[in-house]
């Protein structure tokens, strides 16, 4: 998955990038190859850490999550949780539309030896 991390009026450190990639791994497991890219915008406002995540998925779907927190792990985790709920709902819709295979017809042999379909009486 291609992930773009941007900082608003701040520098994005390698620790923050690693945190984001670690938090997005479960999302990759849920959607798999359906994820096209992810855009992460980080910023701080009034002593709060703000993270916004937009994930682009197959079929022109966009999953969006935004969260605030006192620390970066809580802000990023909150945004990822919101995106994860949307991803699970989207995957459920995709699985619900999938055609289910029809079970094969069961073969019931004739019970009688006479071949006329009635049981033999002895």
N, C-alpha and C. Protein backbone atom coordinates (compact mmCIF):
# COMPACT_ATOMS: atom_id res chain seq x y z
N UNK A 1 0.85 -1.17 0.00
CA UNK A 1 0.00 0.00 0.00
C UNK A 1 0.90 1.24 0.00
N UNK A 2 0.54 2.18 -0.81
CA UNK A 2 1.26 3.45 -0.86
C UNK A 2 0.69 4.37 0.21
N UNK A 3 1.55 4.84 1.11
CA UNK A 3 1.11 5.67 2.23
C UNK A 3 1.86 7.00 2.21
N UNK A 4 1.12 8.09 2.16
CA UNK A 4 1.70 9.43 2.17
C UNK A 4 1.43 10.06 3.53
N UNK A 5 2.49 10.48 4.21
CA UNK A 5 2.36 11.12 5.53
C UNK A 5 2.78 12.57 5.39
N UNK A 6 1.90 13.49 5.80
CA UNK A 6 2.15 14.91 5.70
C UNK A 6 1.95 15.55 7.06
N UNK A 7 2.78 16.54 7.36
CA UNK A 7 2.65 17.27 8.61
C UNK A 7 2.25 18.71 8.35
N UNK A 8 1.25 19.19 9.06
CA UNK A 8 0.84 20.59 8.96
C UNK A 8 1.64 21.41 9.96
N UNK A 9 2.51 22.27 9.45
CA UNK A 9 3.35 23.13 10.28
C UNK A 9 4.15 22.37 11.31
N UNK A 10 4.58 21.17 10.93
CA UNK A 10 5.40 20.35 11.81
C UNK A 10 6.21 19.37 10.97
N UNK A 11 7.25 18.85 11.56
CA UNK A 11 8.08 17.87 10.89
C UNK A 11 7.64 16.47 11.32
N UNK A 12 7.50 15.58 10.35
CA UNK A 12 7.09 14.21 10.64
C UNK A 12 8.36 13.38 10.86
N UNK A 13 8.50 12.84 12.06
CA UNK A 13 9.70 12.08 12.40
C UNK A 13 9.56 10.63 11.95
N UNK A 14 10.66 9.93 11.96
CA UNK A 14 10.64 8.52 11.57
C UNK A 14 9.83 7.69 12.57
N UNK A 15 9.82 8.10 13.85
CA UNK A 15 9.02 7.38 14.85
C UNK A 15 7.53 7.51 14.54
N UNK A 16 7.11 8.70 14.12
CA UNK A 16 5.70 8.88 13.75
C UNK A 16 5.35 8.05 12.52
N UNK A 17 6.24 8.01 11.53
CA UNK A 17 5.99 7.19 10.34
C UNK A 17 5.87 5.72 10.72
N UNK A 18 6.74 5.26 11.59
CA UNK A 18 6.70 3.86 12.03
C UNK A 18 5.40 3.57 12.79
N UNK A 19 4.97 4.49 13.65
CA UNK A 19 3.72 4.34 14.38
C UNK A 19 2.54 4.21 13.41
N UNK A 20 2.51 5.04 12.40
CA UNK A 20 1.41 5.00 11.42
C UNK A 20 1.42 3.69 10.66
N UNK A 21 2.58 3.26 10.20
CA UNK A 21 2.64 2.00 9.46
C UNK A 21 2.24 0.82 10.33
N UNK A 22 2.63 0.83 11.60
CA UNK A 22 2.24 -0.24 12.52
C UNK A 22 0.73 -0.27 12.73
N UNK A 23 0.13 0.92 12.86
CA UNK A 23 -1.31 0.99 13.10
C UNK A 23 -2.13 0.64 11.86
N UNK A 24 -1.56 0.82 10.67
CA UNK A 24 -2.29 0.53 9.43
C UNK A 24 -2.18 -0.93 9.00
N UNK A 25 -1.31 -1.72 9.62
CA UNK A 25 -1.15 -3.13 9.24
C UNK A 25 -2.44 -3.93 9.37
N UNK A 26 -3.21 -3.82 10.47
CA UNK A 26 -4.47 -4.58 10.53
C UNK A 26 -5.45 -4.18 9.43
N UNK A 27 -5.41 -2.94 9.02
CA UNK A 27 -6.27 -2.49 7.92
C UNK A 27 -5.89 -3.18 6.62
N UNK A 28 -4.60 -3.36 6.41
CA UNK A 28 -4.14 -4.08 5.22
C UNK A 28 -4.58 -5.53 5.26
N UNK A 29 -4.62 -6.13 6.45
CA UNK A 29 -5.07 -7.51 6.56
C UNK A 29 -6.56 -7.63 6.25
N UNK A 30 -7.34 -6.63 6.63
CA UNK A 30 -8.79 -6.70 6.40
C UNK A 30 -9.11 -6.52 4.92
N UNK A 31 -8.56 -5.50 4.28
CA UNK A 31 -8.92 -5.20 2.89
C UNK A 31 -7.99 -5.83 1.86
N UNK A 32 -6.79 -6.17 2.25
CA UNK A 32 -5.86 -6.83 1.33
C UNK A 32 -5.48 -5.96 0.15
N UNK A 33 -5.58 -6.53 -1.05
CA UNK A 33 -5.19 -5.82 -2.27
C UNK A 33 -6.18 -4.74 -2.67
N UNK A 34 -7.29 -4.62 -1.99
CA UNK A 34 -8.30 -3.63 -2.35
C UNK A 34 -7.86 -2.21 -1.98
N UNK A 35 -6.85 -2.08 -1.12
CA UNK A 35 -6.36 -0.76 -0.75
C UNK A 35 -5.48 -0.22 -1.86
N UNK A 36 -5.80 0.97 -2.33
CA UNK A 36 -5.00 1.62 -3.36
C UNK A 36 -3.92 2.47 -2.71
N UNK A 37 -4.33 3.37 -1.82
CA UNK A 37 -3.36 4.24 -1.15
C UNK A 37 -3.98 4.78 0.14
N UNK A 38 -3.11 5.40 0.94
CA UNK A 38 -3.56 6.03 2.18
C UNK A 38 -2.85 7.37 2.32
N UNK A 39 -3.61 8.39 2.71
CA UNK A 39 -3.07 9.71 2.94
C UNK A 39 -3.27 10.04 4.42
N UNK A 40 -2.19 10.41 5.10
CA UNK A 40 -2.25 10.73 6.52
C UNK A 40 -1.76 12.17 6.69
N UNK A 41 -2.57 12.98 7.37
CA UNK A 41 -2.20 14.37 7.65
C UNK A 41 -2.15 14.53 9.17
N UNK A 42 -1.01 14.98 9.66
CA UNK A 42 -0.81 15.17 11.09
C UNK A 42 -0.63 16.65 11.39
N UNK A 43 -1.15 17.09 12.50
CA UNK A 43 -1.00 18.47 12.92
C UNK A 43 -1.28 18.60 14.40
N UNK A 44 -0.93 19.73 14.95
CA UNK A 44 -1.22 19.96 16.37
C UNK A 44 -1.93 21.30 16.50
N UNK A 45 -3.01 21.27 17.25
CA UNK A 45 -3.82 22.47 17.47
C UNK A 45 -4.12 22.58 18.96
N UNK A 46 -3.81 23.71 19.55
CA UNK A 46 -4.13 24.00 20.94
C UNK A 46 -3.69 22.87 21.87
N UNK A 47 -2.45 22.45 21.75
CA UNK A 47 -1.85 21.43 22.60
C UNK A 47 -2.46 20.04 22.39
N UNK A 48 -3.20 19.84 21.28
CA UNK A 48 -3.76 18.54 20.95
C UNK A 48 -3.10 18.02 19.68
N UNK A 49 -2.92 16.72 19.60
CA UNK A 49 -2.42 16.08 18.40
C UNK A 49 -3.62 15.69 17.54
N UNK A 50 -3.62 16.09 16.28
CA UNK A 50 -4.73 15.82 15.37
C UNK A 50 -4.22 14.97 14.21
N UNK A 51 -4.92 13.87 13.94
CA UNK A 51 -4.56 13.02 12.81
C UNK A 51 -5.79 12.79 11.94
N UNK A 52 -5.57 12.81 10.65
CA UNK A 52 -6.63 12.58 9.67
C UNK A 52 -6.12 11.56 8.67
N UNK A 53 -6.91 10.50 8.47
CA UNK A 53 -6.51 9.43 7.57
C UNK A 53 -7.59 9.26 6.51
N UNK A 54 -7.16 9.22 5.25
CA UNK A 54 -8.06 8.93 4.14
C UNK A 54 -7.47 7.74 3.39
N UNK A 55 -8.24 6.66 3.31
CA UNK A 55 -7.80 5.45 2.61
C UNK A 55 -8.62 5.32 1.34
N UNK A 56 -7.94 5.16 0.22
CA UNK A 56 -8.59 4.97 -1.07
C UNK A 56 -8.63 3.47 -1.34
N UNK A 57 -9.83 2.95 -1.56
CA UNK A 57 -10.00 1.52 -1.80
C UNK A 57 -10.56 1.28 -3.20
N UNK A 58 -10.50 0.04 -3.62
CA UNK A 58 -10.99 -0.37 -4.93
C UNK A 58 -12.45 0.05 -5.09
N UNK A 59 -12.81 0.44 -6.29
CA UNK A 59 -14.20 0.80 -6.57
C UNK A 59 -14.53 2.22 -6.17
N UNK A 60 -13.56 3.10 -6.14
CA UNK A 60 -13.75 4.51 -5.82
C UNK A 60 -14.35 4.72 -4.43
N UNK A 61 -13.92 3.89 -3.48
CA UNK A 61 -14.36 4.05 -2.09
C UNK A 61 -13.30 4.81 -1.32
N UNK A 62 -13.75 5.72 -0.47
CA UNK A 62 -12.84 6.47 0.39
C UNK A 62 -13.28 6.30 1.83
N UNK A 63 -12.36 5.87 2.65
CA UNK A 63 -12.62 5.69 4.07
C UNK A 63 -11.90 6.81 4.81
N UNK A 64 -12.62 7.51 5.67
CA UNK A 64 -12.07 8.72 6.29
C UNK A 64 -12.20 8.62 7.80
N UNK A 65 -11.12 8.96 8.50
CA UNK A 65 -11.14 8.99 9.96
C UNK A 65 -10.32 10.16 10.47
N UNK A 66 -10.85 10.85 11.46
CA UNK A 66 -10.15 11.98 12.06
C UNK A 66 -10.30 11.88 13.57
N UNK A 67 -9.19 12.11 14.29
CA UNK A 67 -9.23 12.01 15.74
C UNK A 67 -8.22 12.97 16.36
N UNK A 68 -8.49 13.32 17.61
CA UNK A 68 -7.60 14.18 18.39
C UNK A 68 -7.22 13.43 19.66
N UNK A 69 -6.08 13.79 20.21
CA UNK A 69 -5.65 13.18 21.46
C UNK A 69 -4.52 13.96 22.09
N UNK A 70 -4.21 13.61 23.31
CA UNK A 70 -3.11 14.27 24.01
C UNK A 70 -1.76 13.81 23.47
N UNK A 71 -1.70 12.57 22.97
CA UNK A 71 -0.45 12.03 22.42
C UNK A 71 -0.69 11.52 21.01
N UNK A 72 0.39 11.31 20.27
CA UNK A 72 0.26 10.83 18.90
C UNK A 72 -0.33 9.42 18.82
N UNK A 73 0.06 8.50 19.69
CA UNK A 73 -0.55 7.17 19.59
C UNK A 73 -2.07 7.18 19.76
N UNK A 74 -2.59 8.02 20.66
CA UNK A 74 -4.05 8.06 20.83
C UNK A 74 -4.73 8.72 19.64
N UNK A 75 -4.12 9.76 19.08
CA UNK A 75 -4.73 10.44 17.94
C UNK A 75 -4.73 9.54 16.70
N UNK A 76 -3.60 8.91 16.43
CA UNK A 76 -3.51 8.03 15.26
C UNK A 76 -4.39 6.79 15.47
N UNK A 77 -4.38 6.24 16.68
CA UNK A 77 -5.20 5.07 16.97
C UNK A 77 -6.68 5.34 16.81
N UNK A 78 -7.13 6.50 17.25
CA UNK A 78 -8.55 6.85 17.10
C UNK A 78 -8.96 6.97 15.65
N UNK A 79 -8.11 7.59 14.84
CA UNK A 79 -8.43 7.73 13.41
C UNK A 79 -8.41 6.38 12.72
N UNK A 80 -7.46 5.52 13.06
CA UNK A 80 -7.39 4.19 12.44
C UNK A 80 -8.60 3.35 12.85
N UNK A 81 -9.05 3.47 14.10
CA UNK A 81 -10.24 2.73 14.54
C UNK A 81 -11.46 3.12 13.72
N UNK A 82 -11.62 4.40 13.44
CA UNK A 82 -12.76 4.86 12.64
C UNK A 82 -12.68 4.31 11.22
N UNK A 83 -11.49 4.32 10.64
CA UNK A 83 -11.31 3.78 9.29
C UNK A 83 -11.52 2.27 9.30
N UNK A 84 -11.08 1.59 10.35
CA UNK A 84 -11.22 0.14 10.44
C UNK A 84 -12.68 -0.28 10.47
N UNK A 85 -13.52 0.46 11.21
CA UNK A 85 -14.95 0.15 11.24
C UNK A 85 -15.56 0.29 9.85
N UNK A 86 -15.17 1.34 9.13
CA UNK A 86 -15.68 1.54 7.78
C UNK A 86 -15.19 0.43 6.85
N UNK A 87 -13.95 -0.02 7.03
CA UNK A 87 -13.39 -1.07 6.19
C UNK A 87 -14.10 -2.40 6.42
N UNK A 88 -14.41 -2.71 7.67
CA UNK A 88 -15.12 -3.96 7.96
C UNK A 88 -16.53 -3.94 7.38
N UNK A 89 -17.18 -2.78 7.43
CA UNK A 89 -18.51 -2.66 6.84
C UNK A 89 -18.45 -2.82 5.32
N UNK A 90 -17.45 -2.20 4.70
CA UNK A 90 -17.28 -2.30 3.25
C UNK A 90 -16.97 -3.74 2.84
N UNK A 91 -16.12 -4.42 3.58
CA UNK A 91 -15.79 -5.80 3.26
C UNK A 91 -17.02 -6.69 3.41
N UNK A 92 -17.84 -6.42 4.41
CA UNK A 92 -19.08 -7.17 4.58
C UNK A 92 -20.02 -7.00 3.40
N UNK A 93 -20.09 -5.79 2.87
CA UNK A 93 -20.92 -5.55 1.69
C UNK A 93 -20.38 -6.31 0.48
N UNK A 94 -19.05 -6.30 0.34
CA UNK A 94 -18.44 -7.02 -0.79
C UNK A 94 -18.70 -8.52 -0.67
N UNK A 95 -18.60 -9.07 0.52
CA UNK A 95 -18.83 -10.50 0.70
C UNK A 95 -20.30 -10.85 0.53
N UNK A 96 -21.19 -9.94 0.89
CA UNK A 96 -22.62 -10.20 0.73
C UNK A 96 -23.06 -10.24 -0.72
N UNK A 97 -22.34 -9.55 -1.57
CA UNK A 97 -22.68 -9.53 -2.99
C UNK A 97 -22.13 -10.71 -3.76
N UNK A 98 -21.20 -11.41 -3.15
CA UNK A 98 -20.56 -12.54 -3.82
C UNK A 98 -21.57 -13.66 -4.01
N UNK A 99 -21.55 -14.27 -5.17
CA UNK A 99 -22.47 -15.38 -5.43
C UNK A 99 -22.04 -16.59 -4.63
N UNK A 100 -23.03 -17.26 -4.10
CA UNK A 100 -22.72 -18.47 -3.37
C UNK A 100 -22.94 -19.66 -4.30
N UNK A 101 -22.05 -20.61 -4.24
CA UNK A 101 -22.15 -21.78 -5.11
C UNK A 101 -23.34 -22.62 -4.69
N UNK A 102 -24.04 -23.16 -5.68
CA UNK A 102 -25.17 -24.04 -5.38
C UNK A 102 -24.63 -25.40 -4.99
N UNK A 103 -25.20 -25.99 -3.96
CA UNK A 103 -24.72 -27.32 -3.58
C UNK A 103 -25.10 -28.33 -4.65
N UNK A 104 -24.28 -29.35 -4.84
CA UNK A 104 -24.60 -30.34 -5.87
C UNK A 104 -25.85 -31.12 -5.49
N UNK A 105 -26.59 -31.55 -6.51
CA UNK A 105 -27.81 -32.32 -6.27
C UNK A 105 -27.43 -33.66 -5.66
N UNK A 106 -28.18 -34.08 -4.65
CA UNK A 106 -27.87 -35.36 -4.00
C UNK A 106 -28.50 -36.48 -4.81
N UNK A 107 -27.81 -37.56 -4.91
CA UNK A 107 -28.29 -38.71 -5.66
C UNK A 107 -28.84 -39.73 -4.68
N UNK A 108 -30.12 -40.05 -4.82
CA UNK A 108 -30.75 -41.05 -3.96
C UNK A 108 -31.00 -42.30 -4.79
N UNK A 109 -30.35 -43.40 -4.47
CA UNK A 109 -30.56 -44.62 -5.25
C UNK A 109 -31.93 -45.21 -4.99
N UNK A 110 -32.41 -45.97 -5.97
CA UNK A 110 -33.69 -46.67 -5.79
C UNK A 110 -33.54 -47.71 -4.70
N UNK A 111 -34.59 -47.85 -3.89
CA UNK A 111 -34.51 -48.75 -2.75
C UNK A 111 -34.83 -50.18 -3.16
N UNK A 112 -35.69 -50.39 -4.09
CA UNK A 112 -36.13 -51.76 -4.45
C UNK A 112 -35.20 -52.42 -5.44
N UNK A 113 -35.25 -53.74 -5.49
CA UNK A 113 -34.43 -54.52 -6.43
C UNK A 113 -35.15 -54.69 -7.74
N UNK A 114 -36.45 -54.45 -7.76
CA UNK A 114 -37.21 -54.65 -8.97
C UNK A 114 -37.02 -53.54 -9.98
N UNK A 115 -36.49 -52.44 -9.60
CA UNK A 115 -36.25 -51.34 -10.55
C UNK A 115 -37.47 -50.51 -10.82
N UNK A 116 -38.62 -50.83 -10.22
CA UNK A 116 -39.82 -50.05 -10.46
C UNK A 116 -40.02 -48.94 -9.46
N UNK A 117 -39.07 -48.74 -8.55
CA UNK A 117 -39.14 -47.65 -7.62
C UNK A 117 -39.82 -47.99 -6.32
N UNK A 118 -40.43 -49.24 -6.24
CA UNK A 118 -41.07 -49.62 -4.99
C UNK A 118 -40.18 -50.61 -4.26
N UNK A 119 -40.21 -50.55 -2.93
CA UNK A 119 -39.35 -51.46 -2.19
C UNK A 119 -39.78 -52.91 -2.39
N UNK A 120 -38.81 -53.78 -2.36
CA UNK A 120 -39.12 -55.20 -2.52
C UNK A 120 -39.68 -55.74 -1.22
N UNK A 121 -40.61 -56.66 -1.32
CA UNK A 121 -41.28 -57.18 -0.13
C UNK A 121 -40.77 -58.56 0.22
N UNK A 122 -39.78 -58.96 -0.35
CA UNK A 122 -39.19 -60.12 0.19
C UNK A 122 -39.13 -61.29 -0.57
